Amino acid sequence: MKQGNSYIIISVIIAFVLLIFCTLHGIFIGFPLVLCLLNFAFIAWLRGYPMKDIIRMSYQGGKKSFIVLRILVLVGAITSLWMASGTTPAILYYGIKLIDPKLFIMYAFLISCLVSFLLGTSFGTVSTVGLSLILMAKSGNIDADIAAGAIIAGAYFGDRCSPMSSSANLVAHLTETDLYPNIKAMLTTGTVSFIMSIFLYLLLSLHHPLTFTESTMTYEISNIFGLHWVALLPALAILILAILRVDVKISMLVSILLASIISFSRQHYNVLEILRIVLLGFNLDIDSSLRTILKGGGIFSMWKVSVVVFVSCCWAGLFAETNILEDLDEILLRAKSRPATFLTTTTVSILTALLGCSQTIAIVLTNSLMNKVYVKNKFDHYQLAVDLENTCVPLAALIPWNTAAFVPSSTMNVSLTGFIPYAFFLYLLPFTQILYVKFWAQGQKKRLHSP
């Protein structure tokens, strides 16, 4: 067993070094992920698992990514079609006119929070309103990293606590708790970090206002796309269907259909051109300053992200069925107090997010590893649920090779690491939660010792 543990430690170190090296040098992280998968497969083989079973376990884990992969296909299609139909240009046009340039970064955070709460998905938020906001930032000479930090932080506000969020529903299912009490607890524990984030984005906004020339930008948009209120229908469809709690995949399909019709009827693309845009992405075929802003998307643009998602789920399949991490139980059970338990949960969530490369894997593995600790210490299941939401969900989005960060940054075509210092809400959330549980524990002690 000691030899097996040493292999695991060495493999984890190798995985971290490879992932960090590739991230810093701009190398596609799919390569080290595949190498790490083979490494962990070798460990499973050393533990006596037949290679046939190892392949089966990896594939069974990879199959779980198919739901996410379908969403990524929709994200690629909707990103390019919103540009072709004039939806993204229209949002850009009206955003320039309506949003106070001096408060843009704060508005980017708040708008992303609202949309993500309605949609329940960070990927859907970033690929729709987030993409429009980042285009506004780039055209207005705002540092893309700062804007991306605000957008991604806002996108995970709703991904964490929306009734439609897959992560919120997953946590409720795993911890055997009710969804709406969990949401209430998440909103309560997230209030301080939310207010602090608004204040910090307000300060950044005042120091980094939009500086474009409104007349030039709006003139080019209206001249090229011939804007009409109809162009906003794909975006309105997303919001209205979200309010009606329609599944986000159906909402995105409806939006894609509307955008295709508008691209054909108002922007005069033929059927073959629309199919090309859906598959290969959008590019303006005229000489304009907008060519460098309005471009990209398409299903094929999601292939790198899809590889990362599939391989990371293969990791999860191996971890789950071979119990590679089971030897951690003895260490984790040393946590006794409420603050110590939360700090241990935070540490485990970071490790599982680093190792599993997926927010979902981080949630599943952290719950599996920490559940015994909460049961032994007689902590409520609802405490475990809110701790998972305040650690796994936000912290996964701060790890460049985790799909929670890789997908949004790739969709917006921004740096994998540059946005991290500005995603305030994501790391303020666990910080304020540890203060909350510390004061909660002190209050419990006072009540126990009071006469």
Foldseek 3Di string as FASTA:
>chain_A
DVVLVVLVVVLLVQLLVLQVVCQVVVHQSLVSLVVSLVSLLVSLVVVPDDNVVLVVLLVVLLVVCVVVLLVLLLLLQLLQLLLLLLQLVVCLLVCLVPPDLLLLLLVLLVVLLVLLLLQLALSVSLSHVVLSSLLQCVQQVFPSLLSLLSNLLSNLNNCLQHPLHPLLVVLCVLLVHDSPVLSVVLCVLLVVLVVVLSVVSSVVSNVGGGHHDSVQSSVVSCVQQVDDPLSNVLVVLQNVVSVVVHNNSVSSVVSSVSSLVSSCPRVNDDPVRSLCCQAWNDADPDDDPCRVRHIGGHSVLCPSLSSLSSSLSSVLSSCVVSVSVVVCLVVLLVQAAQLSLLVSLQVQLLSQLSRSLELVSSLVVSCVNSVVNCVVNVHDSSSVSNSSSLHSSLNSCQRLSRSSVVSSCSSSVHRSHSNNVNNSSSVVSSVSVSVVSVVVRVVVVCVVPPD
